[in-house]
């Protein structure tokens, strides 16, 4: 008998990493620290050291994640850290793209010991980045170092802004209508019964 896969936010999951990758460095939230830029050797290590994980969600475009942080908190996972790194773009030699990382933990000692100002900055920066766009999302459960434990990851890619540079909602004209309406997502990333779903 095949054992059922673990729940994404189940007891075996120790942490959740949400990583957003995009082209425009001006989109990086201002409060996040910048890690050292990726080197060729660093990129090679990043690509080769990952143990195979379980794909929970296949790449799905134009998804809203605007309620994700609040819903994750209902499972005991809280935002505790964030940073960004300029990574090598293999398709354009000499070019880099920003990869923003947010880490969620259910370790109460880590959550409770956070500096209040840092927590406020993290929450604001996370909401600014995630709620202002729709994303192509994919998700994995990756094996932890301890048997039967996992580290979950959610990847946000192919960013689709919801507002233009002036802050106005981006609109579209739907079939059968002559009036522009704000763009809508193809779905919303939700937490349901300790699992990650698109509804």
Foldseek 3Di string as FASTA:
>chain_A
DDDDDDALLDPQAFKEKEKEWDADPVLQQPPAAEDEAADPVNVVCVVPVFDDWAWPFDWDWQAAALCVQVQVVVSQKHWQHKHKYWYQDPVDPPHTIIMIMIMIGNPVVSVVPGDPVVSVSVVVRVNSNRRQWTFTKIKTWGDDPDPSHTHIYMYTYDTGGQADPVRHGDWDADPPGDDTDGDDGPFYWHQDPSHTDTD
